[in-house]
């Protein structure tokens, strides 16, 4: 019983040179993804009524600027650690 909310942050690497690296930030409520940021797309995309509203607001606000830097800060910065393991 109750509700389940989850944020999943992923770095997808297609090569060691990091050219095809992609950052994905997914927001999930009760096992259904409702909004996602994808660095390749460069903005939030909503998948439910609430997700569309959130995506529209977040794409106009400071949230988007924060997400745009995560590819460098989160993925590419930590890639050497991932590849060395």
PDB file of N, CA and C in Angstrom:
ATOM      1  N   UNK A   1       0.830  -1.183   0.000  1.00  0.00           N
ATOM      2  CA  UNK A   1       0.000   0.000   0.000  1.00  0.00           C
ATOM      3  C   UNK A   1       0.877   1.251   0.000  1.00  0.00           C
ATOM      4  N   UNK A   2       0.372   2.304  -0.520  1.00  0.00           N
ATOM      5  CA  UNK A   2       1.121   3.553  -0.559  1.00  0.00           C
ATOM      6  C   UNK A   2       1.551   3.894  -1.971  1.00  0.00           C
ATOM      7  N   UNK A   3       2.451   4.846  -2.048  1.00  0.00           N
ATOM      8  CA  UNK A   3       2.907   5.356  -3.331  1.00  0.00           C
ATOM      9  C   UNK A   3       4.404   5.147  -3.465  1.00  0.00           C
ATOM     10  N   UNK A   4       4.845   5.060  -4.693  1.00  0.00           N
ATOM     11  CA  UNK A   4       6.250   4.813  -4.990  1.00  0.00           C
ATOM     12  C   UNK A   4       6.725   5.872  -5.978  1.00  0.00           C
ATOM     13  N   UNK A   5       7.718   6.647  -5.579  1.00  0.00           N
ATOM     14  CA  UNK A   5       8.311   7.626  -6.498  1.00  0.00           C
ATOM     15  C   UNK A   5       9.801   7.360  -6.601  1.00  0.00           C
ATOM     16  N   UNK A   6      10.328   7.509  -7.804  1.00  0.00           N
ATOM     17  CA  UNK A   6      11.719   7.166  -8.055  1.00  0.00           C
ATOM     18  C   UNK A   6      12.286   8.090  -9.127  1.00  0.00           C
ATOM     19  N   UNK A   7      13.553   8.465  -8.963  1.00  0.00           N
ATOM     20  CA  UNK A   7      14.283   9.190  -9.992  1.00  0.00           C
ATOM     21  C   UNK A   7      15.452   8.306 -10.399  1.00  0.00           C
ATOM     22  N   UNK A   8      15.563   8.049 -11.689  1.00  0.00           N
ATOM     23  CA  UNK A   8      16.627   7.186 -12.212  1.00  0.00           C
ATOM     24  C   UNK A   8      17.518   8.032 -13.109  1.00  0.00           C
ATOM     25  N   UNK A   9      18.799   8.113 -12.752  1.00  0.00           N
ATOM     26  CA  UNK A   9      19.776   8.872 -13.542  1.00  0.00           C
ATOM     27  C   UNK A   9      20.715   7.878 -14.188  1.00  0.00           C
ATOM     28  N   UNK A  10      20.858   7.990 -15.504  1.00  0.00           N
ATOM     29  CA  UNK A  10      21.676   7.038 -16.248  1.00  0.00           C
ATOM     30  C   UNK A  10      22.664   7.753 -17.158  1.00  0.00           C
ATOM     31  N   UNK A  11      23.817   7.144 -17.303  1.00  0.00           N
ATOM     32  CA  UNK A  11      24.780   7.556 -18.322  1.00  0.00           C
ATOM     33  C   UNK A  11      24.915   6.373 -19.270  1.00  0.00           C
ATOM     34  N   UNK A  12      24.690   6.621 -20.527  1.00  0.00           N
ATOM     35  CA  UNK A  12      24.831   5.567 -21.533  1.00  0.00           C
ATOM     36  C   UNK A  12      26.030   5.901 -22.401  1.00  0.00           C
ATOM     37  N   UNK A  13      26.993   4.975 -22.418  1.00  0.00           N
ATOM     38  CA  UNK A  13      28.218   5.158 -23.173  1.00  0.00           C
ATOM     39  C   UNK A  13      28.199   4.219 -24.376  1.00  0.00           C
ATOM     40  N   UNK A  14      28.525   4.739 -25.547  1.00  0.00           N
ATOM     41  CA  UNK A  14      28.596   3.884 -26.721  1.00  0.00           C
ATOM     42  C   UNK A  14      30.043   3.620 -27.137  1.00  0.00           C
ATOM     43  N   UNK A  15      30.973   4.386 -26.570  1.00  0.00           N
ATOM     44  CA  UNK A  15      32.390   4.163 -26.873  1.00  0.00           C
ATOM     45  C   UNK A  15      33.247   4.803 -25.791  1.00  0.00           C
ATOM     46  N   UNK A  16      34.508   4.393 -25.734  1.00  0.00           N
ATOM     47  CA  UNK A  16      35.410   4.942 -24.731  1.00  0.00           C
ATOM     48  C   UNK A  16      35.774   6.399 -24.991  1.00  0.00           C
ATOM     49  N   UNK A  17      35.628   6.861 -26.222  1.00  0.00           N
ATOM     50  CA  UNK A  17      35.985   8.257 -26.507  1.00  0.00           C
ATOM     51  C   UNK A  17      34.901   9.245 -26.062  1.00  0.00           C
ATOM     52  N   UNK A  18      33.797   8.736 -25.524  1.00  0.00           N
ATOM     53  CA  UNK A  18      32.717   9.510 -24.918  1.00  0.00           C
ATOM     54  C   UNK A  18      31.926  10.368 -25.907  1.00  0.00           C
ATOM     55  N   UNK A  19      32.126  10.178 -27.199  1.00  0.00           N
ATOM     56  CA  UNK A  19      31.394  10.965 -28.193  1.00  0.00           C
ATOM     57  C   UNK A  19      29.900  10.677 -28.174  1.00  0.00           C
ATOM     58  N   UNK A  20      29.524   9.438 -27.979  1.00  0.00           N
ATOM     59  CA  UNK A  20      28.108   9.075 -28.000  1.00  0.00           C
ATOM     60  C   UNK A  20      27.477   9.002 -26.630  1.00  0.00           C
ATOM     61  N   UNK A  21      28.074   9.645 -25.646  1.00  0.00           N
ATOM     62  CA  UNK A  21      27.552   9.586 -24.284  1.00  0.00           C
ATOM     63  C   UNK A  21      26.220  10.309 -24.190  1.00  0.00           C
ATOM     64  N   UNK A  22      25.320   9.715 -23.428  1.00  0.00           N
ATOM     65  CA  UNK A  22      23.967  10.253 -23.271  1.00  0.00           C
ATOM     66  C   UNK A  22      23.604  10.230 -21.788  1.00  0.00           C
ATOM     67  N   UNK A  23      23.031  11.328 -21.308  1.00  0.00           N
ATOM     68  CA  UNK A  23      22.558  11.408 -19.923  1.00  0.00           C
ATOM     69  C   UNK A  23      21.040  11.384 -19.939  1.00  0.00           C
ATOM     70  N   UNK A  24      20.458  10.518 -19.114  1.00  0.00           N
ATOM     71  CA  UNK A  24      19.004  10.397 -19.029  1.00  0.00           C
ATOM     72  C   UNK A  24      18.593  10.504 -17.566  1.00  0.00           C
ATOM     73  N   UNK A  25      17.622  11.350 -17.306  1.00  0.00           N
ATOM     74  CA  UNK A  25      17.082  11.555 -15.964  1.00  0.00           C
ATOM     75  C   UNK A  25      15.584  11.271 -16.038  1.00  0.00           C
ATOM     76  N   UNK A  26      15.153  10.135 -15.479  1.00  0.00           N
ATOM     77  CA  UNK A  26      13.755   9.704 -15.578  1.00  0.00           C
ATOM     78  C   UNK A  26      13.053   9.857 -14.237  1.00  0.00           C
ATOM     79  N   UNK A  27      11.816  10.317 -14.280  1.00  0.00           N
ATOM     80  CA  UNK A  27      10.988  10.486 -13.089  1.00  0.00           C
ATOM     81  C   UNK A  27       9.826   9.502 -13.184  1.00  0.00           C
ATOM     82  N   UNK A  28       9.695   8.664 -12.152  1.00  0.00           N
ATOM     83  CA  UNK A  28       8.747   7.561 -12.171  1.00  0.00           C
ATOM     84  C   UNK A  28       7.831   7.667 -10.958  1.00  0.00           C
ATOM     85  N   UNK A  29       6.544   7.471 -11.178  1.00  0.00           N
ATOM     86  CA  UNK A  29       5.573   7.431 -10.088  1.00  0.00           C
ATOM     87  C   UNK A  29       4.736   6.174 -10.254  1.00  0.00           C
ATOM     88  N   UNK A  30       4.728   5.336  -9.210  1.00  0.00           N
ATOM     89  CA  UNK A  30       4.002   4.056  -9.239  1.00  0.00           C
ATOM     90  C   UNK A  30       4.314   3.244 -10.492  1.00  0.00           C
ATOM     91  N   UNK A  31       5.606   3.110 -10.770  1.00  0.00           N
ATOM     92  CA  UNK A  31       6.150   2.297 -11.857  1.00  0.00           C
ATOM     93  C   UNK A  31       5.885   2.839 -13.253  1.00  0.00           C
ATOM     94  N   UNK A  32       5.346   4.048 -13.370  1.00  0.00           N
ATOM     95  CA  UNK A  32       5.090   4.650 -14.674  1.00  0.00           C
ATOM     96  C   UNK A  32       5.954   5.904 -14.826  1.00  0.00           C
ATOM     97  N   UNK A  33       6.788   5.910 -15.839  1.00  0.00           N
ATOM     98  CA  UNK A  33       7.607   7.084 -16.105  1.00  0.00           C
ATOM     99  C   UNK A  33       6.698   8.210 -16.605  1.00  0.00           C
ATOM    100  N   UNK A  34       6.798   9.372 -15.953  1.00  0.00           N
ATOM    101  CA  UNK A  34       5.927  10.468 -16.344  1.00  0.00           C
ATOM    102  C   UNK A  34       6.670  11.629 -17.002  1.00  0.00           C
ATOM    103  N   UNK A  35       7.966  11.759 -16.761  1.00  0.00           N
ATOM    104  CA  UNK A  35       8.750  12.801 -17.435  1.00  0.00           C
ATOM    105  C   UNK A  35      10.201  12.347 -17.511  1.00  0.00           C
ATOM    106  N   UNK A  36      10.889  12.782 -18.584  1.00  0.00           N
ATOM    107  CA  UNK A  36      12.286  12.381 -18.776  1.00  0.00           C
ATOM    108  C   UNK A  36      13.064  13.533 -19.399  1.00  0.00           C
ATOM    109  N   UNK A  37      14.303  13.695 -18.908  1.00  0.00           N
ATOM    110  CA  UNK A  37      15.263  14.568 -19.578  1.00  0.00           C
ATOM    111  C   UNK A  37      16.256  13.674 -20.288  1.00  0.00           C
ATOM    112  N   UNK A  38      16.535  13.985 -21.544  1.00  0.00           N
ATOM    113  CA  UNK A  38      17.521  13.244 -22.322  1.00  0.00           C
ATOM    114  C   UNK A  38      18.478  14.269 -22.917  1.00  0.00           C
ATOM    115  N   UNK A  39      19.778  14.117 -22.659  1.00  0.00           N
ATOM    116  CA  UNK A  39      20.749  15.103 -23.132  1.00  0.00           C
ATOM    117  C   UNK A  39      20.809  15.160 -24.652  1.00  0.00           C
ATOM    118  N   UNK A  40      20.482  14.084 -25.327  1.00  0.00           N
ATOM    119  CA  UNK A  40      20.472  14.083 -26.791  1.00  0.00           C
ATOM    120  C   UNK A  40      19.330  14.953 -27.314  1.00  0.00           C
ATOM    121  N   UNK A  41      18.170  14.887 -26.669  1.00  0.00           N
ATOM    122  CA  UNK A  41      17.019  15.706 -27.037  1.00  0.00           C
ATOM    123  C   UNK A  41      17.230  17.137 -26.553  1.00  0.00           C
ATOM    124  N   UNK A  42      17.833  17.292 -25.365  1.00  0.00           N
ATOM    125  CA  UNK A  42      18.146  18.610 -24.829  1.00  0.00           C
ATOM    126  C   UNK A  42      17.018  19.286 -24.084  1.00  0.00           C
ATOM    127  N   UNK A  43      16.002  18.521 -23.719  1.00  0.00           N
ATOM    128  CA  UNK A  43      14.889  19.086 -22.962  1.00  0.00           C
ATOM    129  C   UNK A  43      14.124  17.960 -22.269  1.00  0.00           C
ATOM    130  N   UNK A  44      13.194  18.374 -21.397  1.00  0.00           N
ATOM    131  CA  UNK A  44      12.301  17.422 -20.741  1.00  0.00           C
ATOM    132  C   UNK A  44      11.170  17.061 -21.700  1.00  0.00           C
ATOM    133  N   UNK A  45      10.734  15.814 -21.620  1.00  0.00           N
ATOM    134  CA  UNK A  45       9.582  15.334 -22.394  1.00  0.00           C
ATOM    135  C   UNK A  45       8.640  14.641 -21.420  1.00  0.00           C
ATOM    136  N   UNK A  46       7.364  14.997 -21.462  1.00  0.00           N
ATOM    137  CA  UNK A  46       6.363  14.399 -20.588  1.00  0.00           C
ATOM    138  C   UNK A  46       5.648  13.246 -21.266  1.00  0.00           C
ATOM    139  N   UNK A  47       5.290  12.236 -20.474  1.00  0.00           N
ATOM    140  CA  UNK A  47       4.612  11.043 -20.999  1.00  0.00           C
ATOM    141  C   UNK A  47       3.203  10.863 -20.448  1.00  0.00           C
ATOM    142  N   UNK A  48       2.839  11.651 -19.462  1.00  0.00           N
ATOM    143  CA  UNK A  48       1.494  11.623 -18.897  1.00  0.00           C
ATOM    144  C   UNK A  48       1.005  13.072 -18.842  1.00  0.00           C
ATOM    145  N   UNK A  49      -0.238  13.257 -18.456  1.00  0.00           N
ATOM    146  CA  UNK A  49      -0.774  14.623 -18.355  1.00  0.00           C
ATOM    147  C   UNK A  49       0.063  15.460 -17.388  1.00  0.00           C
ATOM    148  N   UNK A  50       0.354  14.898 -16.223  1.00  0.00           N
ATOM    149  CA  UNK A  50       1.193  15.599 -15.254  1.00  0.00           C
ATOM    150  C   UNK A  50       2.600  15.799 -15.803  1.00  0.00           C
ATOM    151  N   UNK A  51       3.144  14.782 -16.444  1.00  0.00           N
ATOM    152  CA  UNK A  51       4.487  14.872 -17.000  1.00  0.00           C
ATOM    153  C   UNK A  51       4.620  15.949 -18.057  1.00  0.00           C
ATOM    154  N   UNK A  52       3.611  16.106 -18.893  1.00  0.00           N
ATOM    155  CA  UNK A  52       3.627  17.149 -19.925  1.00  0.00           C
ATOM    156  C   UNK A  52       3.637  18.527 -19.266  1.00  0.00           C
ATOM    157  N   UNK A  53       2.827  18.712 -18.232  1.00  0.00           N
ATOM    158  CA  UNK A  53       2.792  19.993 -17.511  1.00  0.00           C
ATOM    159  C   UNK A  53       4.133  20.279 -16.841  1.00  0.00           C
ATOM    160  N   UNK A  54       4.700  19.253 -16.200  1.00  0.00           N
ATOM    161  CA  UNK A  54       6.008  19.432 -15.563  1.00  0.00           C
ATOM    162  C   UNK A  54       7.075  19.753 -16.602  1.00  0.00           C
ATOM    163  N   UNK A  55       7.079  19.030 -17.704  1.00  0.00           N
ATOM    164  CA  UNK A  55       8.084  19.248 -18.754  1.00  0.00           C
ATOM    165  C   UNK A  55       8.003  20.678 -19.286  1.00  0.00           C
ATOM    166  N   UNK A  56       6.807  21.161 -19.530  1.00  0.00           N
ATOM    167  CA  UNK A  56       6.642  22.533 -20.031  1.00  0.00           C
ATOM    168  C   UNK A  56       7.217  23.547 -19.038  1.00  0.00           C
ATOM    169  N   UNK A  57       6.908  23.374 -17.764  1.00  0.00           N
ATOM    170  CA  UNK A  57       7.397  24.302 -16.732  1.00  0.00           C
ATOM    171  C   UNK A  57       8.906  24.179 -16.564  1.00  0.00           C
ATOM    172  N   UNK A  58       9.428  22.962 -16.494  1.00  0.00           N
ATOM    173  CA  UNK A  58      10.858  22.750 -16.263  1.00  0.00           C
ATOM    174  C   UNK A  58      11.694  23.205 -17.457  1.00  0.00           C
ATOM    175  N   UNK A  59      11.163  23.099 -18.677  1.00  0.00           N
ATOM    176  CA  UNK A  59      11.906  23.548 -19.848  1.00  0.00           C
ATOM    177  C   UNK A  59      12.026  25.067 -19.894  1.00  0.00           C
ATOM    178  N   UNK A  60      11.181  25.774 -19.155  1.00  0.00           N
ATOM    179  CA  UNK A  60      11.223  27.243 -19.100  1.00  0.00           C
ATOM    180  C   UNK A  60      11.960  27.753 -17.865  1.00  0.00           C
ATOM    181  N   UNK A  61      12.254  26.877 -16.926  1.00  0.00           N
ATOM    182  CA  UNK A  61      12.828  27.297 -15.653  1.00  0.00           C
ATOM    183  C   UNK A  61      14.286  26.909 -15.486  1.00  0.00           C
ATOM    184  N   UNK A  62      14.806  27.106 -14.281  1.00  0.00           N
ATOM    185  CA  UNK A  62      16.217  26.812 -14.005  1.00  0.00           C
ATOM    186  C   UNK A  62      16.538  25.319 -14.013  1.00  0.00           C
ATOM    187  N   UNK A  63      15.525  24.477 -13.952  1.00  0.00           N
ATOM    188  CA  UNK A  63      15.761  23.029 -13.957  1.00  0.00           C
ATOM    189  C   UNK A  63      16.474  22.590 -15.229  1.00  0.00           C
ATOM    190  N   UNK A  64      16.088  23.168 -16.363  1.00  0.00           N
ATOM    191  CA  UNK A  64      16.687  22.779 -17.647  1.00  0.00           C
ATOM    192  C   UNK A  64      18.176  23.108 -17.676  1.00  0.00           C
ATOM    193  N   UNK A  65      18.550  24.278 -17.206  1.00  0.00           N
ATOM    194  CA  UNK A  65      19.971  24.660 -17.194  1.00  0.00           C
ATOM    195  C   UNK A  65      20.786  23.689 -16.356  1.00  0.00           C
ATOM    196  N   UNK A  66      20.236  23.258 -15.236  1.00  0.00           N
ATOM    197  CA  UNK A  66      20.933  22.285 -14.392  1.00  0.00           C
ATOM    198  C   UNK A  66      21.123  20.959 -15.086  1.00  0.00           C
ATOM    199  N   UNK A  67      20.101  20.504 -15.777  1.00  0.00           N
ATOM    200  CA  UNK A  67      20.181  19.215 -16.477  1.00  0.00           C
ATOM    201  C   UNK A  67      21.165  19.261 -17.645  1.00  0.00           C
ATOM    202  N   UNK A  68      21.214  20.393 -18.348  1.00  0.00           N
ATOM    203  CA  UNK A  68      22.087  20.494 -19.519  1.00  0.00           C
ATOM    204  C   UNK A  68      23.554  20.303 -19.159  1.00  0.00           C
ATOM    205  N   UNK A  69      23.946  20.637 -17.939  1.00  0.00           N
ATOM    206  CA  UNK A  69      25.330  20.465 -17.512  1.00  0.00           C
ATOM    207  C   UNK A  69      25.659  19.093 -16.970  1.00  0.00           C
ATOM    208  N   UNK A  70      24.662  18.268 -16.728  1.00  0.00           N
ATOM    209  CA  UNK A  70      24.900  16.961 -16.096  1.00  0.00           C
ATOM    210  C   UNK A  70      25.666  15.989 -16.989  1.00  0.00           C
ATOM    211  N   UNK A  71      25.564  16.118 -18.285  1.00  0.00           N
ATOM    212  CA  UNK A  71      26.323  15.232 -19.175  1.00  0.00           C
ATOM    213  C   UNK A  71      27.810  15.373 -18.887  1.00  0.00           C
ATOM    214  N   UNK A  72      28.282  16.595 -18.758  1.00  0.00           N
ATOM    215  CA  UNK A  72      29.698  16.831 -18.453  1.00  0.00           C
ATOM    216  C   UNK A  72      30.023  16.522 -16.996  1.00  0.00           C
ATOM    217  N   UNK A  73      29.213  17.054 -16.078  1.00  0.00           N
ATOM    218  CA  UNK A  73      29.493  16.921 -14.645  1.00  0.00           C
ATOM    219  C   UNK A  73      29.346  15.501 -14.135  1.00  0.00           C
ATOM    220  N   UNK A  74      28.298  14.832 -14.549  1.00  0.00           N
ATOM    221  CA  UNK A  74      27.956  13.529 -13.981  1.00  0.00           C
ATOM    222  C   UNK A  74      28.508  12.376 -14.822  1.00  0.00           C
ATOM    223  N   UNK A  75      28.292  12.414 -16.110  1.00  0.00           N
ATOM    224  CA  UNK A  75      28.671  11.277 -16.963  1.00  0.00           C
ATOM    225  C   UNK A  75      30.145  11.298 -17.367  1.00  0.00           C
ATOM    226  N   UNK A  76      30.526  12.339 -18.073  1.00  0.00           N
ATOM    227  CA  UNK A  76      31.893  12.371 -18.618  1.00  0.00           C
ATOM    228  C   UNK A  76      32.935  12.480 -17.517  1.00  0.00           C
ATOM    229  N   UNK A  77      32.612  13.155 -16.427  1.00  0.00           N
ATOM    230  CA  UNK A  77      33.546  13.280 -15.313  1.00  0.00           C
ATOM    231  C   UNK A  77      33.811  11.911 -14.665  1.00  0.00           C
ATOM    232  N   UNK A  78      32.783  11.082 -14.548  1.00  0.00           N
ATOM    233  CA  UNK A  78      32.920   9.791 -13.886  1.00  0.00           C
ATOM    234  C   UNK A  78      33.236   8.643 -14.840  1.00  0.00           C
ATOM    235  N   UNK A  79      33.264   8.880 -16.124  1.00  0.00           N
ATOM    236  CA  UNK A  79      33.529   7.819 -17.098  1.00  0.00           C
ATOM    237  C   UNK A  79      34.846   7.093 -16.861  1.00  0.00           C
ATOM    238  N   UNK A  80      35.957   7.784 -16.566  1.00  0.00           N
ATOM    239  CA  UNK A  80      37.202   7.053 -16.321  1.00  0.00           C
ATOM    240  C   UNK A  80      37.093   6.057 -15.167  1.00  0.00           C
ATOM    241  N   UNK A  81      36.317   6.393 -14.158  1.00  0.00           N
ATOM    242  CA  UNK A  81      36.110   5.480 -13.033  1.00  0.00           C
ATOM    243  C   UNK A  81      35.335   4.247 -13.499  1.00  0.00           C
ATOM    244  N   UNK A  82      34.295   4.470 -14.297  1.00  0.00           N
ATOM    245  CA  UNK A  82      33.492   3.348 -14.799  1.00  0.00           C
ATOM    246  C   UNK A  82      34.317   2.443 -15.701  1.00  0.00           C
ATOM    247  N   UNK A  83      35.148   3.010 -16.571  1.00  0.00           N
ATOM    248  CA  UNK A  83      35.931   2.211 -17.506  1.00  0.00           C
ATOM    249  C   UNK A  83      37.093   1.514 -16.820  1.00  0.00           C
ATOM    250  N   UNK A  84      37.568   2.023 -15.691  1.00  0.00           N
ATOM    251  CA  UNK A  84      38.678   1.383 -14.996  1.00  0.00           C
ATOM    252  C   UNK A  84      38.232   0.186 -14.155  1.00  0.00           C
ATOM    253  N   UNK A  85      36.957   0.079 -13.878  1.00  0.00           N
ATOM    254  CA  UNK A  85      36.454  -1.010 -13.026  1.00  0.00           C
ATOM    255  C   UNK A  85      36.367  -2.311 -13.797  1.00  0.00           C
TER     256      UNK A  85
END
